[in-house]
Amino acid sequence: MTPPRNDKGDLRMSEAEFRAFLSQAAEEGAKRALADAGIDGKDAALDIRDLRSLLDCIRFVRRTAVQTAVHLITTGVMLALLAGIALKLKIFGGGP
């Protein structure tokens, strides 16, 4: 069955038909996009879970690296302050 057309040749369809057509086009487009990315087929869900897990691990490593850098910088500043205090108070022997 061919859908009705108006006098300009434009296609006419009901809103329900249009929504069904749009839904089918979106589904086929999503499948094509997944196929282009190489994550289609029966293992697609597993691949996406693995990718999300990998991204979570990368975020965790980045957060841990920043925390470690802040910890090292803070420790270095504290050690420098303690060394300065020790020198000022001449704790490690008499200086000049």
PDB file of N, CA and C in Angstrom:
ATOM      1  N   MET A   1       0.830  -1.171   0.000  1.00  0.00           N
ATOM      2  CA  MET A   1       0.000   0.000   0.000  1.00  0.00           C
ATOM      3  C   MET A   1       0.879   1.240   0.000  1.00  0.00           C
ATOM      4  N   THR A   2       0.627   2.142  -0.904  1.00  0.00           N
ATOM      5  CA  THR A   2       1.401   3.377  -0.969  1.00  0.00           C
ATOM      6  C   THR A   2       0.687   4.459  -0.180  1.00  0.00           C
ATOM      7  N   PRO A   3       1.432   5.225   0.593  1.00  0.00           N
ATOM      8  CA  PRO A   3       0.815   6.283   1.385  1.00  0.00           C
ATOM      9  C   PRO A   3       0.267   7.386   0.476  1.00  0.00           C
ATOM     10  N   PRO A   4      -0.766   8.084   0.922  1.00  0.00           N
ATOM     11  CA  PRO A   4      -1.354   9.152   0.099  1.00  0.00           C
ATOM     12  C   PRO A   4      -0.411  10.339  -0.033  1.00  0.00           C
ATOM     13  N   ARG A   5      -0.513  11.016  -1.169  1.00  0.00           N
ATOM     14  CA  ARG A   5       0.303  12.204  -1.428  1.00  0.00           C
ATOM     15  C   ARG A   5      -0.624  13.375  -1.743  1.00  0.00           C
ATOM     16  N   ASN A   6      -0.138  14.580  -1.492  1.00  0.00           N
ATOM     17  CA  ASN A   6      -0.943  15.754  -1.840  1.00  0.00           C
ATOM     18  C   ASN A   6      -0.626  16.167  -3.282  1.00  0.00           C
ATOM     19  N   ASP A   7      -1.182  17.281  -3.728  1.00  0.00           N
ATOM     20  CA  ASP A   7      -1.017  17.681  -5.127  1.00  0.00           C
ATOM     21  C   ASP A   7       0.414  18.092  -5.464  1.00  0.00           C
ATOM     22  N   LYS A   8       1.229  18.419  -4.466  1.00  0.00           N
ATOM     23  CA  LYS A   8       2.643  18.756  -4.703  1.00  0.00           C
ATOM     24  C   LYS A   8       3.526  17.517  -4.726  1.00  0.00           C
ATOM     25  N   GLY A   9       2.965  16.383  -4.403  1.00  0.00           N
ATOM     26  CA  GLY A   9       3.745  15.146  -4.369  1.00  0.00           C
ATOM     27  C   GLY A   9       4.319  14.834  -3.002  1.00  0.00           C
ATOM     28  N   ASP A  10       3.970  15.646  -1.993  1.00  0.00           N
ATOM     29  CA  ASP A  10       4.459  15.407  -0.641  1.00  0.00           C
ATOM     30  C   ASP A  10       3.723  14.218  -0.026  1.00  0.00           C
ATOM     31  N   LEU A  11       4.433  13.479   0.757  1.00  0.00           N
ATOM     32  CA  LEU A  11       3.883  12.306   1.427  1.00  0.00           C
ATOM     33  C   LEU A  11       3.057  12.737   2.633  1.00  0.00           C
ATOM     34  N   ARG A  12       1.910  12.124   2.815  1.00  0.00           N
ATOM     35  CA  ARG A  12       1.048  12.432   3.952  1.00  0.00           C
ATOM     36  C   ARG A  12       0.853  11.159   4.764  1.00  0.00           C
ATOM     37  N   MET A  13       0.998  11.289   6.088  1.00  0.00           N
ATOM     38  CA  MET A  13       0.769  10.139   6.967  1.00  0.00           C
ATOM     39  C   MET A  13       0.284  10.638   8.315  1.00  0.00           C
ATOM     40  N   SER A  14      -0.341   9.746   9.042  1.00  0.00           N
ATOM     41  CA  SER A  14      -0.861  10.126  10.356  1.00  0.00           C
ATOM     42  C   SER A  14       0.298  10.256  11.342  1.00  0.00           C
ATOM     43  N   GLU A  15       0.001  10.856  12.487  1.00  0.00           N
ATOM     44  CA  GLU A  15       1.033  11.030  13.501  1.00  0.00           C
ATOM     45  C   GLU A  15       1.529   9.679  14.016  1.00  0.00           C
ATOM     46  N   ALA A  16       0.646   8.717  14.167  1.00  0.00           N
ATOM     47  CA  ALA A  16       1.038   7.382  14.637  1.00  0.00           C
ATOM     48  C   ALA A  16       1.963   6.712  13.632  1.00  0.00           C
ATOM     49  N   GLU A  17       1.638   6.841  12.344  1.00  0.00           N
ATOM     50  CA  GLU A  17       2.504   6.262  11.313  1.00  0.00           C
ATOM     51  C   GLU A  17       3.859   6.960  11.306  1.00  0.00           C
ATOM     52  N   PHE A  18       3.834   8.282  11.473  1.00  0.00           N
ATOM     53  CA  PHE A  18       5.083   9.032  11.495  1.00  0.00           C
ATOM     54  C   PHE A  18       5.950   8.627  12.675  1.00  0.00           C
ATOM     55  N   ARG A  19       5.331   8.461  13.854  1.00  0.00           N
ATOM     56  CA  ARG A  19       6.093   8.049  15.040  1.00  0.00           C
ATOM     57  C   ARG A  19       6.680   6.648  14.848  1.00  0.00           C
ATOM     58  N   ALA A  20       5.924   5.743  14.265  1.00  0.00           N
ATOM     59  CA  ALA A  20       6.430   4.391  14.009  1.00  0.00           C
ATOM     60  C   ALA A  20       7.588   4.444  13.019  1.00  0.00           C
ATOM     61  N   PHE A  21       7.445   5.247  11.964  1.00  0.00           N
ATOM     62  CA  PHE A  21       8.497   5.413  10.971  1.00  0.00           C
ATOM     63  C   PHE A  21       9.747   5.999  11.608  1.00  0.00           C
ATOM     64  N   LEU A  22       9.575   7.009  12.442  1.00  0.00           N
ATOM     65  CA  LEU A  22      10.693   7.663  13.118  1.00  0.00           C
ATOM     66  C   LEU A  22      11.392   6.705  14.083  1.00  0.00           C
ATOM     67  N   SER A  23      10.593   5.919  14.799  1.00  0.00           N
ATOM     68  CA  SER A  23      11.162   4.955  15.736  1.00  0.00           C
ATOM     69  C   SER A  23      11.987   3.897  15.006  1.00  0.00           C
ATOM     70  N   GLN A  24      11.485   3.415  13.901  1.00  0.00           N
ATOM     71  CA  GLN A  24      12.205   2.414  13.120  1.00  0.00           C
ATOM     72  C   GLN A  24      13.500   3.004  12.551  1.00  0.00           C
ATOM     73  N   ALA A  25      13.436   4.236  12.062  1.00  0.00           N
ATOM     74  CA  ALA A  25      14.627   4.882  11.522  1.00  0.00           C
ATOM     75  C   ALA A  25      15.677   5.095  12.611  1.00  0.00           C
ATOM     76  N   ALA A  26      15.236   5.480  13.802  1.00  0.00           N
ATOM     77  CA  ALA A  26      16.170   5.692  14.910  1.00  0.00           C
ATOM     78  C   ALA A  26      16.838   4.386  15.318  1.00  0.00           C
ATOM     79  N   GLU A  27      16.059   3.314  15.363  1.00  0.00           N
ATOM     80  CA  GLU A  27      16.620   2.015  15.742  1.00  0.00           C
ATOM     81  C   GLU A  27      17.646   1.538  14.716  1.00  0.00           C
ATOM     82  N   GLU A  28      17.313   1.678  13.444  1.00  0.00           N
ATOM     83  CA  GLU A  28      18.253   1.260  12.406  1.00  0.00           C
ATOM     84  C   GLU A  28      19.506   2.132  12.408  1.00  0.00           C
ATOM     85  N   GLY A  29      19.332   3.434  12.678  1.00  0.00           N
ATOM     86  CA  GLY A  29      20.490   4.324  12.762  1.00  0.00           C
ATOM     87  C   GLY A  29      21.394   3.976  13.933  1.00  0.00           C
ATOM     88  N   ALA A  30      20.800   3.634  15.062  1.00  0.00           N
ATOM     89  CA  ALA A  30      21.597   3.246  16.229  1.00  0.00           C
ATOM     90  C   ALA A  30      22.358   1.953  15.959  1.00  0.00           C
ATOM     91  N   LYS A  31      21.693   0.999  15.312  1.00  0.00           N
ATOM     92  CA  LYS A  31      22.380  -0.262  14.977  1.00  0.00           C
ATOM     93  C   LYS A  31      23.538  -0.011  14.029  1.00  0.00           C
ATOM     94  N   ARG A  32      23.332   0.871  13.050  1.00  0.00           N
ATOM     95  CA  ARG A  32      24.395   1.181  12.104  1.00  0.00           C
ATOM     96  C   ARG A  32      25.556   1.883  12.809  1.00  0.00           C
ATOM     97  N   ALA A  33      25.245   2.791  13.741  1.00  0.00           N
ATOM     98  CA  ALA A  33      26.300   3.493  14.481  1.00  0.00           C
ATOM     99  C   ALA A  33      27.109   2.520  15.331  1.00  0.00           C
ATOM    100  N   LEU A  34      26.426   1.579  15.984  1.00  0.00           N
ATOM    101  CA  LEU A  34      27.143   0.570  16.777  1.00  0.00           C
ATOM    102  C   LEU A  34      27.998  -0.314  15.879  1.00  0.00           C
ATOM    103  N   ALA A  35      27.474  -0.666  14.703  1.00  0.00           N
ATOM    104  CA  ALA A  35      28.250  -1.492  13.771  1.00  0.00           C
ATOM    105  C   ALA A  35      29.477  -0.731  13.281  1.00  0.00           C
ATOM    106  N   ASP A  36      29.326   0.567  13.002  1.00  0.00           N
ATOM    107  CA  ASP A  36      30.465   1.372  12.564  1.00  0.00           C
ATOM    108  C   ASP A  36      31.523   1.478  13.655  1.00  0.00           C
ATOM    109  N   ALA A  37      31.085   1.503  14.919  1.00  0.00           N
ATOM    110  CA  ALA A  37      32.021   1.587  16.041  1.00  0.00           C
ATOM    111  C   ALA A  37      32.626   0.226  16.379  1.00  0.00           C
ATOM    112  N   GLY A  38      32.068  -0.836  15.804  1.00  0.00           N
ATOM    113  CA  GLY A  38      32.605  -2.179  16.040  1.00  0.00           C
ATOM    114  C   GLY A  38      32.087  -2.829  17.298  1.00  0.00           C
ATOM    115  N   ILE A  39      30.964  -2.362  17.827  1.00  0.00           N
ATOM    116  CA  ILE A  39      30.419  -2.971  19.045  1.00  0.00           C
ATOM    117  C   ILE A  39      28.999  -3.454  18.795  1.00  0.00           C
ATOM    118  N   ASP A  40      28.832  -4.163  17.692  1.00  0.00           N
ATOM    119  CA  ASP A  40      27.521  -4.719  17.386  1.00  0.00           C
ATOM    120  C   ASP A  40      27.563  -6.232  17.592  1.00  0.00           C
ATOM    121  N   GLY A  41      26.469  -6.879  17.411  1.00  0.00           N
ATOM    122  CA  GLY A  41      26.407  -8.323  17.535  1.00  0.00           C
ATOM    123  C   GLY A  41      25.966  -8.756  18.914  1.00  0.00           C
ATOM    124  N   LYS A  42      26.146 -10.048  19.152  1.00  0.00           N
ATOM    125  CA  LYS A  42      25.639 -10.618  20.396  1.00  0.00           C
ATOM    126  C   LYS A  42      26.447 -10.190  21.623  1.00  0.00           C
ATOM    127  N   ASP A  43      27.674  -9.753  21.429  1.00  0.00           N
ATOM    128  CA  ASP A  43      28.519  -9.345  22.558  1.00  0.00           C
ATOM    129  C   ASP A  43      28.509  -7.828  22.784  1.00  0.00           C
ATOM    130  N   ALA A  44      27.589  -7.112  22.152  1.00  0.00           N
ATOM    131  CA  ALA A  44      27.569  -5.649  22.255  1.00  0.00           C
ATOM    132  C   ALA A  44      27.351  -5.185  23.689  1.00  0.00           C
ATOM    133  N   ALA A  45      26.442  -5.809  24.406  1.00  0.00           N
ATOM    134  CA  ALA A  45      26.173  -5.395  25.789  1.00  0.00           C
ATOM    135  C   ALA A  45      27.409  -5.619  26.666  1.00  0.00           C
ATOM    136  N   LEU A  46      28.081  -6.740  26.468  1.00  0.00           N
ATOM    137  CA  LEU A  46      29.298  -7.025  27.231  1.00  0.00           C
ATOM    138  C   LEU A  46      30.390  -6.013  26.887  1.00  0.00           C
ATOM    139  N   ASP A  47      30.522  -5.678  25.595  1.00  0.00           N
ATOM    140  CA  ASP A  47      31.519  -4.692  25.181  1.00  0.00           C
ATOM    141  C   ASP A  47      31.256  -3.336  25.825  1.00  0.00           C
ATOM    142  N   ILE A  48      30.011  -2.916  25.857  1.00  0.00           N
ATOM    143  CA  ILE A  48      29.675  -1.621  26.447  1.00  0.00           C
ATOM    144  C   ILE A  48      29.921  -1.638  27.951  1.00  0.00           C
ATOM    145  N   ARG A  49      29.592  -2.758  28.615  1.00  0.00           N
ATOM    146  CA  ARG A  49      29.887  -2.858  30.048  1.00  0.00           C
ATOM    147  C   ARG A  49      31.392  -2.791  30.285  1.00  0.00           C
ATOM    148  N   ASP A  50      32.177  -3.454  29.433  1.00  0.00           N
ATOM    149  CA  ASP A  50      33.631  -3.410  29.574  1.00  0.00           C
ATOM    150  C   ASP A  50      34.168  -1.996  29.364  1.00  0.00           C
ATOM    151  N   LEU A  51      33.625  -1.299  28.376  1.00  0.00           N
ATOM    152  CA  LEU A  51      34.067   0.074  28.141  1.00  0.00           C
ATOM    153  C   LEU A  51      33.732   0.978  29.323  1.00  0.00           C
ATOM    154  N   ARG A  52      32.541   0.809  29.889  1.00  0.00           N
ATOM    155  CA  ARG A  52      32.168   1.616  31.063  1.00  0.00           C
ATOM    156  C   ARG A  52      33.062   1.286  32.246  1.00  0.00           C
ATOM    157  N   SER A  53      33.379   0.017  32.420  1.00  0.00           N
ATOM    158  CA  SER A  53      34.263  -0.380  33.504  1.00  0.00           C
ATOM    159  C   SER A  53      35.654   0.222  33.305  1.00  0.00           C
ATOM    160  N   LEU A  54      36.136   0.202  32.069  1.00  0.00           N
ATOM    161  CA  LEU A  54      37.437   0.791  31.775  1.00  0.00           C
ATOM    162  C   LEU A  54      37.441   2.292  32.058  1.00  0.00           C
ATOM    163  N   LEU A  55      36.371   2.973  31.687  1.00  0.00           N
ATOM    164  CA  LEU A  55      36.281   4.410  31.973  1.00  0.00           C
ATOM    165  C   LEU A  55      36.239   4.676  33.469  1.00  0.00           C
ATOM    166  N   ASP A  56      35.534   3.831  34.220  1.00  0.00           N
ATOM    167  CA  ASP A  56      35.510   3.982  35.681  1.00  0.00           C
ATOM    168  C   ASP A  56      36.908   3.799  36.268  1.00  0.00           C
ATOM    169  N   CYS A  57      37.643   2.841  35.752  1.00  0.00           N
ATOM    170  CA  CYS A  57      39.012   2.604  36.234  1.00  0.00           C
ATOM    171  C   CYS A  57      39.914   3.789  35.917  1.00  0.00           C
ATOM    172  N   ILE A  58      39.773   4.348  34.727  1.00  0.00           N
ATOM    173  CA  ILE A  58      40.588   5.510  34.349  1.00  0.00           C
ATOM    174  C   ILE A  58      40.275   6.687  35.267  1.00  0.00           C
ATOM    175  N   ARG A  59      39.007   6.912  35.552  1.00  0.00           N
ATOM    176  CA  ARG A  59      38.626   8.002  36.466  1.00  0.00           C
ATOM    177  C   ARG A  59      39.194   7.774  37.858  1.00  0.00           C
ATOM    178  N   PHE A  60      39.152   6.522  38.329  1.00  0.00           N
ATOM    179  CA  PHE A  60      39.683   6.204  39.656  1.00  0.00           C
ATOM    180  C   PHE A  60      41.192   6.435  39.702  1.00  0.00           C
ATOM    181  N   VAL A  61      41.901   6.006  38.670  1.00  0.00           N
ATOM    182  CA  VAL A  61      43.354   6.195  38.632  1.00  0.00           C
ATOM    183  C   VAL A  61      43.696   7.677  38.598  1.00  0.00           C
ATOM    184  N   ARG A  62      42.958   8.457  37.810  1.00  0.00           N
ATOM    185  CA  ARG A  62      43.208   9.891  37.730  1.00  0.00           C
ATOM    186  C   ARG A  62      42.983  10.544  39.087  1.00  0.00           C
ATOM    187  N   ARG A  63      41.877  10.183  39.758  1.00  0.00           N
ATOM    188  CA  ARG A  63      41.571  10.763  41.065  1.00  0.00           C
ATOM    189  C   ARG A  63      42.650  10.369  42.081  1.00  0.00           C
ATOM    190  N   THR A  64      43.083   9.122  42.055  1.00  0.00           N
ATOM    191  CA  THR A  64      44.104   8.660  42.985  1.00  0.00           C
ATOM    192  C   THR A  64      45.439   9.348  42.716  1.00  0.00           C
ATOM    193  N   ALA A  65      45.779   9.565  41.447  1.00  0.00           N
ATOM    194  CA  ALA A  65      47.033  10.239  41.117  1.00  0.00           C
ATOM    195  C   ALA A  65      47.025  11.681  41.623  1.00  0.00           C
ATOM    196  N   VAL A  66      45.918  12.364  41.490  1.00  0.00           N
ATOM    197  CA  VAL A  66      45.822  13.742  41.986  1.00  0.00           C
ATOM    198  C   VAL A  66      45.926  13.761  43.509  1.00  0.00           C
ATOM    199  N   GLN A  67      45.243  12.830  44.173  1.00  0.00           N
ATOM    200  CA  GLN A  67      45.320  12.776  45.635  1.00  0.00           C
ATOM    201  C   GLN A  67      46.748  12.480  46.093  1.00  0.00           C
ATOM    202  N   THR A  68      47.441  11.596  45.388  1.00  0.00           N
ATOM    203  CA  THR A  68      48.819  11.259  45.745  1.00  0.00           C
ATOM    204  C   THR A  68      49.731  12.466  45.545  1.00  0.00           C
ATOM    205  N   ALA A  69      49.557  13.195  44.460  1.00  0.00           N
ATOM    206  CA  ALA A  69      50.379  14.380  44.215  1.00  0.00           C
ATOM    207  C   ALA A  69      50.151  15.428  45.301  1.00  0.00           C
ATOM    208  N   VAL A  70      48.915  15.647  45.677  1.00  0.00           N
ATOM    209  CA  VAL A  70      48.612  16.609  46.744  1.00  0.00           C
ATOM    210  C   VAL A  70      49.227  16.141  48.058  1.00  0.00           C
ATOM    211  N   HIS A  71      49.144  14.851  48.330  1.00  0.00           N
ATOM    212  CA  HIS A  71      49.721  14.308  49.561  1.00  0.00           C
ATOM    213  C   HIS A  71      51.239  14.507  49.569  1.00  0.00           C
ATOM    214  N   LEU A  72      51.911  14.226  48.463  1.00  0.00           N
ATOM    215  CA  LEU A  72      53.364  14.390  48.407  1.00  0.00           C
ATOM    216  C   LEU A  72      53.772  15.850  48.557  1.00  0.00           C
ATOM    217  N   ILE A  73      53.051  16.744  47.911  1.00  0.00           N
ATOM    218  CA  ILE A  73      53.381  18.172  48.021  1.00  0.00           C
ATOM    219  C   ILE A  73      53.180  18.655  49.452  1.00  0.00           C
ATOM    220  N   THR A  74      52.090  18.243  50.070  1.00  0.00           N
ATOM    221  CA  THR A  74      51.821  18.634  51.454  1.00  0.00           C
ATOM    222  C   THR A  74      52.894  18.090  52.390  1.00  0.00           C
ATOM    223  N   THR A  75      53.281  16.851  52.201  1.00  0.00           N
ATOM    224  CA  THR A  75      54.325  16.249  53.036  1.00  0.00           C
ATOM    225  C   THR A  75      55.650  16.970  52.844  1.00  0.00           C
ATOM    226  N   GLY A  76      55.982  17.323  51.603  1.00  0.00           N
ATOM    227  CA  GLY A  76      57.227  18.052  51.336  1.00  0.00           C
ATOM    228  C   GLY A  76      57.250  19.407  52.003  1.00  0.00           C
ATOM    229  N   VAL A  77      56.131  20.127  51.942  1.00  0.00           N
ATOM    230  CA  VAL A  77      56.054  21.446  52.595  1.00  0.00           C
ATOM    231  C   VAL A  77      56.194  21.300  54.103  1.00  0.00           C
ATOM    232  N   MET A  78      55.524  20.308  54.677  1.00  0.00           N
ATOM    233  CA  MET A  78      55.618  20.092  56.122  1.00  0.00           C
ATOM    234  C   MET A  78      57.048  19.738  56.533  1.00  0.00           C
ATOM    235  N   LEU A  79      57.724  18.885  55.762  1.00  0.00           N
ATOM    236  CA  LEU A  79      59.113  18.535  56.084  1.00  0.00           C
ATOM    237  C   LEU A  79      60.031  19.748  55.979  1.00  0.00           C
ATOM    238  N   ALA A  80      59.805  20.587  54.966  1.00  0.00           N
ATOM    239  CA  ALA A  80      60.622  21.793  54.836  1.00  0.00           C
ATOM    240  C   ALA A  80      60.400  22.736  56.015  1.00  0.00           C
ATOM    241  N   LEU A  81      59.151  22.877  56.463  1.00  0.00           N
ATOM    242  CA  LEU A  81      58.877  23.713  57.628  1.00  0.00           C
ATOM    243  C   LEU A  81      59.531  23.156  58.888  1.00  0.00           C
ATOM    244  N   LEU A  82      59.423  21.834  59.061  1.00  0.00           N
ATOM    245  CA  LEU A  82      60.064  21.223  60.244  1.00  0.00           C
ATOM    246  C   LEU A  82      61.577  21.367  60.196  1.00  0.00           C
ATOM    247  N   ALA A  83      62.180  21.224  59.023  1.00  0.00           N
ATOM    248  CA  ALA A  83      63.633  21.396  58.909  1.00  0.00           C
ATOM    249  C   ALA A  83      64.017  22.844  59.214  1.00  0.00           C
ATOM    250  N   GLY A  84      63.210  23.796  58.728  1.00  0.00           N
ATOM    251  CA  GLY A  84      63.487  25.205  59.022  1.00  0.00           C
ATOM    252  C   GLY A  84      63.366  25.502  60.502  1.00  0.00           C
ATOM    253  N   ILE A  85      62.372  24.944  61.145  1.00  0.00           N
ATOM    254  CA  ILE A  85      62.202  25.139  62.593  1.00  0.00           C
ATOM    255  C   ILE A  85      63.366  24.525  63.348  1.00  0.00           C
ATOM    256  N   ALA A  86      63.777  23.318  62.924  1.00  0.00           N
ATOM    257  CA  ALA A  86      64.893  22.637  63.607  1.00  0.00           C
ATOM    258  C   ALA A  86      66.178  23.445  63.458  1.00  0.00           C
ATOM    259  N   LEU A  87      66.418  24.018  62.296  1.00  0.00           N
ATOM    260  CA  LEU A  87      67.629  24.831  62.098  1.00  0.00           C
ATOM    261  C   LEU A  87      67.541  26.127  62.915  1.00  0.00           C
ATOM    262  N   LYS A  88      66.384  26.719  62.937  1.00  0.00           N
ATOM    263  CA  LYS A  88      66.205  27.983  63.679  1.00  0.00           C
ATOM    264  C   LYS A  88      66.424  27.792  65.184  1.00  0.00           C
ATOM    265  N   LEU A  89      65.926  26.653  65.699  1.00  0.00           N
ATOM    266  CA  LEU A  89      66.067  26.380  67.127  1.00  0.00           C
ATOM    267  C   LEU A  89      67.379  25.693  67.461  1.00  0.00           C
ATOM    268  N   LYS A  90      68.208  25.401  66.471  1.00  0.00           N
ATOM    269  CA  LYS A  90      69.536  24.784  66.636  1.00  0.00           C
ATOM    270  C   LYS A  90      69.415  23.452  67.393  1.00  0.00           C
ATOM    271  N   ILE A  91      68.444  22.633  66.975  1.00  0.00           N
ATOM    272  CA  ILE A  91      68.214  21.342  67.616  1.00  0.00           C
ATOM    273  C   ILE A  91      69.318  20.355  67.300  1.00  0.00           C
ATOM    274  N   PHE A  92      69.883  20.404  66.115  1.00  0.00           N
ATOM    275  CA  PHE A  92      70.879  19.417  65.693  1.00  0.00           C
ATOM    276  C   PHE A  92      72.305  19.906  65.925  1.00  0.00           C
ATOM    277  N   GLY A  93      72.548  20.582  66.944  1.00  0.00           N
ATOM    278  CA  GLY A  93      73.895  21.014  67.281  1.00  0.00           C
ATOM    279  C   GLY A  93      74.058  22.515  67.061  1.00  0.00           C
ATOM    280  N   GLY A  94      75.134  22.993  67.556  1.00  0.00           N
ATOM    281  CA  GLY A  94      75.403  24.439  67.454  1.00  0.00           C
ATOM    282  C   GLY A  94      75.928  24.790  66.072  1.00  0.00           C
ATOM    283  N   GLY A  95      75.365  25.736  65.514  1.00  0.00           N
ATOM    284  CA  GLY A  95      75.798  26.228  64.209  1.00  0.00           C
ATOM    285  C   GLY A  95      76.688  27.428  64.377  1.00  0.00           C
ATOM    286  N   PRO A  96      77.024  28.084  63.334  1.00  0.00           N
ATOM    287  CA  PRO A  96      77.907  29.259  63.409  1.00  0.00           C
ATOM    288  C   PRO A  96      77.300  30.426  64.135  1.00  0.00           C
TER     289      PRO A  96
END
